[in-house]
Protein backbone atom coordinates (compact mmCIF):
# COMPACT_ATOMS: atom_id res chain seq x y z
CA MET A 1 -69.85 68.99 -116.62
CA MET A 2 -67.96 67.36 -119.58
CA ASN A 3 -64.78 66.97 -117.73
CA GLU A 4 -66.42 65.18 -115.06
CA GLN A 5 -66.92 61.93 -116.34
CA PRO A 6 -63.26 62.03 -118.09
CA ASN A 7 -61.79 62.97 -114.39
CA ASP A 8 -63.90 60.34 -113.09
CA ASN A 9 -62.39 57.45 -115.26
CA LEU A 10 -58.81 59.12 -114.03
CA ASN A 11 -59.67 59.26 -110.62
CA GLN A 12 -60.75 54.72 -110.28
CA THR A 13 -57.24 54.32 -113.06
CA TYR A 14 -55.35 55.71 -110.75
CA GLU A 15 -56.28 54.53 -107.81
CA VAL A 16 -56.56 51.23 -109.28
CA PHE A 17 -52.37 51.51 -110.48
CA HIS A 18 -52.21 52.76 -106.58
CA ARG A 19 -52.94 49.98 -105.31
CA ASN A 20 -51.17 46.96 -107.50
CA HIS A 21 -47.81 49.11 -107.40
CA ASN A 22 -47.63 48.77 -103.50
CA VAL A 23 -45.30 45.93 -103.86
CA LEU A 24 -43.02 46.51 -106.26
CA ARG A 25 -42.35 50.32 -104.76
CA GLN A 26 -41.73 49.39 -100.92
CA ARG A 27 -39.49 46.45 -103.24
CA LEU A 28 -37.76 49.15 -104.91
CA LEU A 29 -37.24 52.05 -101.68
CA ASP A 30 -35.98 49.20 -99.71
CA ALA A 31 -33.41 48.73 -101.81
CA LEU A 32 -32.18 52.29 -102.60
CA PRO A 33 -30.29 53.37 -99.63
CA GLU A 34 -30.76 55.41 -96.99
CA PRO A 35 -30.83 59.20 -97.59
CA ALA A 36 -28.93 61.37 -95.13
CA THR A 37 -29.87 63.86 -92.81
CA GLU A 38 -29.84 67.10 -93.30
CA PRO A 39 -30.22 70.77 -91.69
CA LYS A 40 -34.20 71.95 -92.75
CA ARG A 41 -33.64 74.18 -95.21
CA VAL A 42 -35.39 77.95 -95.07
CA HIS A 43 -36.16 79.55 -98.26
CA SER A 44 -33.81 77.62 -100.10
CA GLU A 45 -36.45 75.63 -102.73
CA ILE A 46 -35.61 76.18 -106.46
CA PRO A 47 -38.17 77.96 -107.63
CA MET A 48 -40.50 76.32 -110.45
CA CYS A 49 -40.82 77.00 -113.14
CA ARG A 50 -43.59 78.62 -114.58
CA CYS A 51 -44.45 76.86 -117.58
CA LEU A 52 -46.11 74.26 -114.50
CA ARG A 53 -47.94 76.87 -112.29
CA GLY A 54 -51.32 78.22 -112.58
CA PRO A 55 -54.24 75.90 -114.01
CA LEU A 56 -52.08 73.92 -116.07
CA MET A 57 -50.88 72.02 -113.10
CA ASN A 58 -54.07 70.63 -111.70
CA GLY A 59 -55.15 67.71 -109.70
CA ARG A 60 -55.55 65.88 -112.88
CA MET A 61 -51.74 66.67 -113.84
CA MET A 62 -50.63 66.22 -110.81
CA LYS A 63 -52.35 62.81 -110.95
CA LEU A 64 -51.08 62.48 -114.59
CA ALA A 65 -47.33 62.48 -112.71
CA ALA A 66 -47.63 60.40 -110.01
CA ALA A 67 -48.57 57.84 -112.02
CA ALA A 68 -46.03 58.59 -114.37
CA ALA A 69 -43.37 58.62 -111.60
CA ILE A 70 -44.37 55.55 -110.10
CA VAL A 71 -44.31 53.18 -113.55
CA LEU A 72 -40.55 54.71 -113.91
CA ALA A 73 -40.32 54.03 -110.19
CA VAL A 74 -40.87 50.41 -111.08
CA LEU A 75 -39.44 49.65 -113.97
CA ILE A 76 -36.14 51.79 -113.36
CA GLY A 77 -35.97 49.98 -109.40
CA ILE A 78 -36.59 46.00 -111.36
CA TYR A 79 -33.81 47.06 -114.29
CA PHE A 80 -30.89 47.72 -111.46
CA LEU A 81 -32.32 44.91 -109.24
CA GLY A 82 -31.52 41.98 -112.00
CA GLY A 83 -34.96 41.66 -112.69
CA SER A 84 -37.57 41.91 -116.03
CA PRO A 85 -40.74 43.86 -116.63
CA THR A 86 -42.27 40.70 -117.61
CA GLY A 87 -42.27 40.13 -113.99
CA THR A 88 -39.58 37.39 -113.38
CA THR A 89 -36.19 38.23 -111.71
CA ILE A 90 -34.47 36.65 -114.69
CA ALA A 91 -32.44 39.17 -117.16
CA TRP A 92 -33.09 36.48 -120.12
CA ALA A 93 -31.58 38.69 -122.89
CA GLN A 94 -28.31 38.16 -120.19
CA VAL A 95 -28.13 34.67 -120.12
CA ALA A 96 -28.21 34.90 -124.00
CA GLN A 97 -25.35 36.71 -123.81
CA ARG A 98 -23.55 34.66 -121.26
CA MET A 99 -23.81 31.78 -123.38
CA ASP A 100 -21.22 34.02 -126.19
CA THR A 101 -18.80 33.72 -123.04
CA ILE A 102 -18.52 29.61 -122.88
CA ASN A 103 -15.90 28.23 -123.97
CA ASP A 104 -16.07 24.64 -123.33
CA PHE A 105 -18.27 22.74 -121.06
CA THR A 106 -19.97 19.57 -120.17
CA CYS A 107 -23.36 17.64 -119.36
CA ARG A 108 -25.80 15.24 -119.68
CA MET A 109 -28.08 14.35 -122.31
CA THR A 110 -30.54 11.84 -121.97
CA SER A 111 -33.22 10.79 -124.67
CA TRP A 112 -36.36 8.28 -123.63
CA ARG A 113 -39.93 7.58 -125.22
CA VAL A 114 -42.78 5.62 -124.01
CA PRO A 115 -43.53 3.12 -127.34
CA ALA A 116 -47.75 2.96 -127.92
CA GLU A 117 -49.64 0.42 -126.14
CA THR A 118 -50.08 -2.46 -128.12
CA ALA A 119 -52.54 -5.14 -127.15
CA GLY A 120 -52.83 -4.72 -123.71
CA GLU A 121 -49.46 -4.96 -122.80
CA ALA A 122 -47.44 -2.99 -120.38
CA GLN A 123 -45.77 0.43 -121.42
CA THR A 124 -42.13 0.43 -121.52
CA ARG A 125 -39.82 3.21 -121.15
CA GLU A 126 -37.17 3.44 -123.13
CA GLU A 127 -34.06 5.90 -122.06
CA MET A 128 -30.51 6.67 -123.58
CA THR A 129 -28.16 8.37 -121.49
CA MET A 130 -24.91 10.48 -123.52
CA ASN A 131 -22.83 12.80 -121.14
CA PHE A 132 -20.77 15.28 -123.45
CA TRP A 133 -17.22 16.78 -123.71
CA TYR A 134 -17.12 19.75 -125.86
CA SER A 135 -14.08 22.06 -126.01
CA ASP A 136 -14.26 24.93 -128.96
CA ASP A 137 -10.51 24.58 -129.27
CA TYR A 138 -10.29 20.93 -129.52
CA GLY A 139 -13.89 19.62 -130.24
CA PHE A 140 -16.16 17.31 -128.51
CA LYS A 141 -16.60 13.89 -126.91
CA MET A 142 -19.51 11.28 -125.95
CA GLU A 143 -20.25 8.19 -123.97
CA GLN A 144 -23.18 6.65 -124.68
CA TYR A 145 -25.31 4.37 -122.33
CA ALA A 146 -28.58 2.27 -122.78
CA GLY A 147 -29.59 0.32 -120.37
CA GLY A 148 -26.83 1.70 -118.10
CA GLU A 149 -23.98 -0.40 -120.29
CA LEU A 150 -21.97 1.82 -122.29
CA VAL A 151 -22.08 1.47 -126.07
CA MET A 152 -20.44 3.83 -127.80
CA VAL A 153 -17.86 6.23 -127.44
CA GLU A 154 -17.18 9.03 -130.44
CA TYR A 155 -14.88 11.54 -130.74
CA PHE A 156 -14.97 14.39 -133.03
CA LEU A 157 -11.19 15.99 -133.31
CA ARG A 158 -10.38 19.69 -134.84
CA ARG A 159 -6.31 19.25 -133.94
CA THR A 160 -6.39 15.83 -136.45
CA SER A 161 -9.72 16.31 -139.12
CA GLU A 162 -11.28 13.12 -137.27
CA GLY A 163 -13.71 11.34 -136.32
CA VAL A 164 -13.34 8.66 -134.22
CA ARG A 165 -15.81 5.79 -132.81
CA ILE A 166 -15.43 2.88 -130.48
CA TRP A 167 -17.81 0.13 -129.51
CA PRO A 168 -16.45 -1.46 -126.75
CA GLN A 169 -19.14 -4.15 -126.57
CA LYS A 170 -17.72 -5.33 -129.96
CA LYS A 171 -14.06 -4.12 -129.43
CA ALA A 172 -14.15 -2.43 -132.54
CA TYR A 173 -13.76 0.91 -133.74
CA VAL A 174 -13.42 3.34 -136.90
CA ARG A 175 -11.24 6.17 -138.00
CA MET A 176 -13.13 8.88 -140.38
CA PRO A 177 -10.82 11.91 -141.74
CA LEU A 178 -13.22 14.57 -142.01
CA GLY A 179 -13.29 17.77 -144.25
CA GLU A 180 -13.28 21.18 -143.81
CA GLU A 181 -16.68 21.58 -144.54
CA GLN A 182 -17.44 19.93 -141.35
CA LEU A 183 -14.89 20.90 -139.20
CA ALA A 184 -16.44 23.96 -140.48
CA MET A 185 -19.79 23.66 -139.18
CA GLY A 186 -19.12 21.32 -136.21
CA PRO A 187 -20.53 18.13 -134.18
CA ALA A 188 -22.55 19.82 -131.73
CA GLN A 189 -25.02 22.60 -134.82
CA LYS A 190 -28.27 20.63 -133.72
CA MET A 191 -26.96 19.46 -129.95
CA ASP A 192 -25.17 22.70 -128.60
CA PRO A 193 -26.97 24.03 -125.14
CA ARG A 194 -25.48 27.02 -126.01
CA ASP A 195 -27.75 27.79 -128.96
CA TRP A 196 -30.97 25.93 -127.91
CA VAL A 197 -30.27 28.71 -124.23
CA ARG A 198 -30.17 31.64 -127.49
CA ARG A 199 -32.96 30.54 -129.13
CA PHE A 200 -34.96 30.27 -126.32
CA THR A 201 -34.79 33.49 -125.16
CA THR A 202 -35.86 34.84 -128.26
CA SER A 203 -38.67 32.67 -128.60
CA ASN A 204 -42.41 33.40 -127.13
CA PHE A 205 -42.01 31.88 -123.71
CA ALA A 206 -43.58 31.77 -120.62
CA SER A 207 -42.63 32.38 -116.78
CA LEU A 208 -42.36 28.78 -115.29
CA GLY A 209 -41.90 30.56 -111.54
CA LYS A 210 -38.83 28.98 -109.50
CA ARG A 211 -37.95 25.36 -108.31
CA LYS A 212 -35.28 23.73 -106.72
CA THR A 213 -33.39 21.72 -109.13
CA ASP A 214 -30.50 19.36 -107.57
CA GLY A 215 -31.08 22.08 -104.16
CA ILE A 216 -30.40 24.63 -106.58
CA GLU A 217 -33.21 28.16 -106.97
CA THR A 218 -34.09 27.67 -110.05
CA GLU A 219 -36.04 30.24 -112.59
CA GLY A 220 -37.53 28.61 -115.32
CA ILE A 221 -39.48 29.39 -118.88
CA GLU A 222 -41.05 27.56 -121.12
CA THR A 223 -41.74 27.90 -125.14
CA LYS A 224 -44.23 25.68 -127.76
CA ASP A 225 -41.57 26.75 -130.29
CA LEU A 226 -39.90 23.43 -132.14
CA GLY A 227 -37.34 25.34 -133.51
CA VAL A 228 -35.95 26.07 -130.61
CA ILE A 229 -33.94 22.67 -130.00
CA ARG A 230 -35.56 20.68 -133.04
CA SER A 231 -36.10 21.51 -136.46
CA ALA A 232 -39.14 23.74 -136.95
CA SER A 233 -40.42 21.78 -139.49
CA SER A 234 -40.63 18.57 -137.49
CA SER A 235 -44.28 17.28 -136.84
CA TYR A 236 -44.27 16.83 -132.98
CA GLU A 237 -47.65 17.04 -131.41
CA ASP A 238 -48.13 18.65 -127.79
CA TYR A 239 -44.17 19.76 -127.60
CA ALA A 240 -42.94 21.51 -125.11
CA ALA A 241 -39.38 22.91 -124.31
CA ARG A 242 -38.54 24.00 -120.68
CA LEU A 243 -35.02 26.22 -119.73
CA TRP A 244 -33.74 26.38 -116.47
CA ILE A 245 -32.00 28.83 -114.08
CA ASP A 246 -29.80 29.15 -111.75
CA VAL A 247 -30.80 32.25 -110.05
CA GLN A 248 -27.78 32.63 -108.09
CA THR A 249 -25.17 32.60 -111.28
CA GLN A 250 -27.40 32.57 -114.13
CA LEU A 251 -26.59 29.82 -116.16
CA PRO A 252 -28.49 26.80 -117.23
CA VAL A 253 -29.01 23.92 -115.11
CA SER A 254 -31.41 21.58 -117.58
CA ILE A 255 -32.78 21.69 -120.50
CA GLU A 256 -36.15 19.67 -121.06
CA GLU A 257 -38.06 18.42 -123.99
CA THR A 258 -41.64 16.68 -124.38
CA TYR A 259 -43.53 15.48 -127.36
CA THR A 260 -45.47 12.31 -128.72
CA MET A 261 -44.25 11.39 -132.33
CA ASN A 262 -46.28 8.42 -133.76
CA GLY A 263 -48.51 7.91 -130.67
CA MET A 264 -45.32 7.55 -128.54
CA ARG A 265 -44.54 10.14 -126.09
CA SER A 266 -40.96 11.04 -125.93
CA GLY A 267 -38.30 13.70 -124.82
CA GLY A 268 -35.02 14.40 -123.73
CA GLY A 269 -32.81 16.89 -122.61
CA ALA A 270 -29.43 18.04 -120.59
CA ASP A 271 -28.57 19.33 -117.72
CA ARG A 272 -25.75 18.14 -115.17
CA PHE A 273 -23.56 21.31 -117.37
CA GLU A 274 -20.32 22.08 -115.65
CA TRP A 275 -19.46 25.43 -117.99
CA ASN A 276 -16.09 27.11 -118.47
CA PRO A 277 -14.23 23.90 -116.40
CA GLY A 278 -11.03 24.07 -118.99
CA LEU A 279 -11.03 20.94 -121.00
CA THR A 280 -7.82 20.59 -122.85
CA ALA A 281 -6.33 18.16 -125.50
CA THR A 282 -5.66 14.96 -122.93
CA ASP A 283 -9.49 15.03 -122.21
CA PHE A 284 -10.11 14.38 -125.95
CA GLU A 285 -7.48 11.63 -126.61
CA PRO A 286 -9.53 8.42 -127.70
CA ALA A 287 -8.96 5.36 -125.51
CA ILE A 288 -8.21 2.32 -127.66
CA PRO A 289 -7.04 -0.52 -126.37
CA ASP A 290 -5.00 -2.71 -128.08
CA ASP A 291 -6.96 -6.10 -128.65
CA TYR A 292 -9.83 -3.85 -130.59
CA GLU A 293 -10.54 -4.31 -134.34
CA SER A 294 -10.49 -1.45 -136.81
CA ARG A 295 -13.22 -1.35 -138.88
C-alpha cells in the first residue's frame, strides 16, 4: 500500500513527459539513417546481465529507464542537429567562437533619438549613420552621415601610427599621432560588434524566435544587460539589446538596442555586415583633396 501513491505519481509524470516529447523524438528519428534490413536471427540475443534480472527490473524501473532514454535521445538529437537545449536552433556558444575567426569586416552603424516633447511641439527623430570598415591589421575607417550629408571621415591607422579626421563640408582635416597605448587599445574597444556578440551569448538572454531580415531567415535573442554594448554603470531606462543571427551561416545579421535617457527615447545598432571581406591597405588610405586645409 505504501508504494501505490509514488507509483501513481511516477505514472503521471511518465505519461506527461512522453506526450510532451513526441515531437522532439520524431525529429530525432527522422534525422537518423534508415536501418539496414537484416534477416531474423534465432537465439542470437545477448544475455541480460544478472544484475538486471528479477524483481529489480520491475515496471517502475522500466518506466524510469525509458524516461531517461527519451531525455538522452532528445538532447543528443538536438545537439547533432545543430540546435540548443534551450529550444533554439542556434548554437550560441559557437556563434561567439565564430567571432574569433573574423579578422576584418564592414558594416553600417546607426544612432537615433527622439527628444522629449516640449510645449506641444511634435517630436522629430534625429538620426546619424556611420559606414564602418575594420581590420585587425590596418585599423579602421568610418564615414559619418547626418541628415544624409557626409559630415566626417575618420581613420585609425595602425601601420603609420596616426589618426586622421576629414571634414568635407569645412574642407579641413587633421592628423594626430597615436601612442602605443592607443594602438594597443584599438579604436573599436567600445564599437566592435564582435565583442558585442561575445557578451550577448554569455548574458541572461531570452529567445525572440525567427524572422526575415532583408530576405534572410534569422533567429534572435534579447537581453536587458547594459554591459553587452554600453557601460554596465550607464543610467538608462527601459534598456533592451537584440542580436539577430543568419540561421544558415551562424553569423550576425543585425544588432539593435533601445533605451530611454533624460526623457529621450534613443537607440541604434549595426547591420549590413560583411564578415572577412579581405580588406587591404588601399581601403585605409586617407583621401584628402589638395584644397583642404590642415588644422
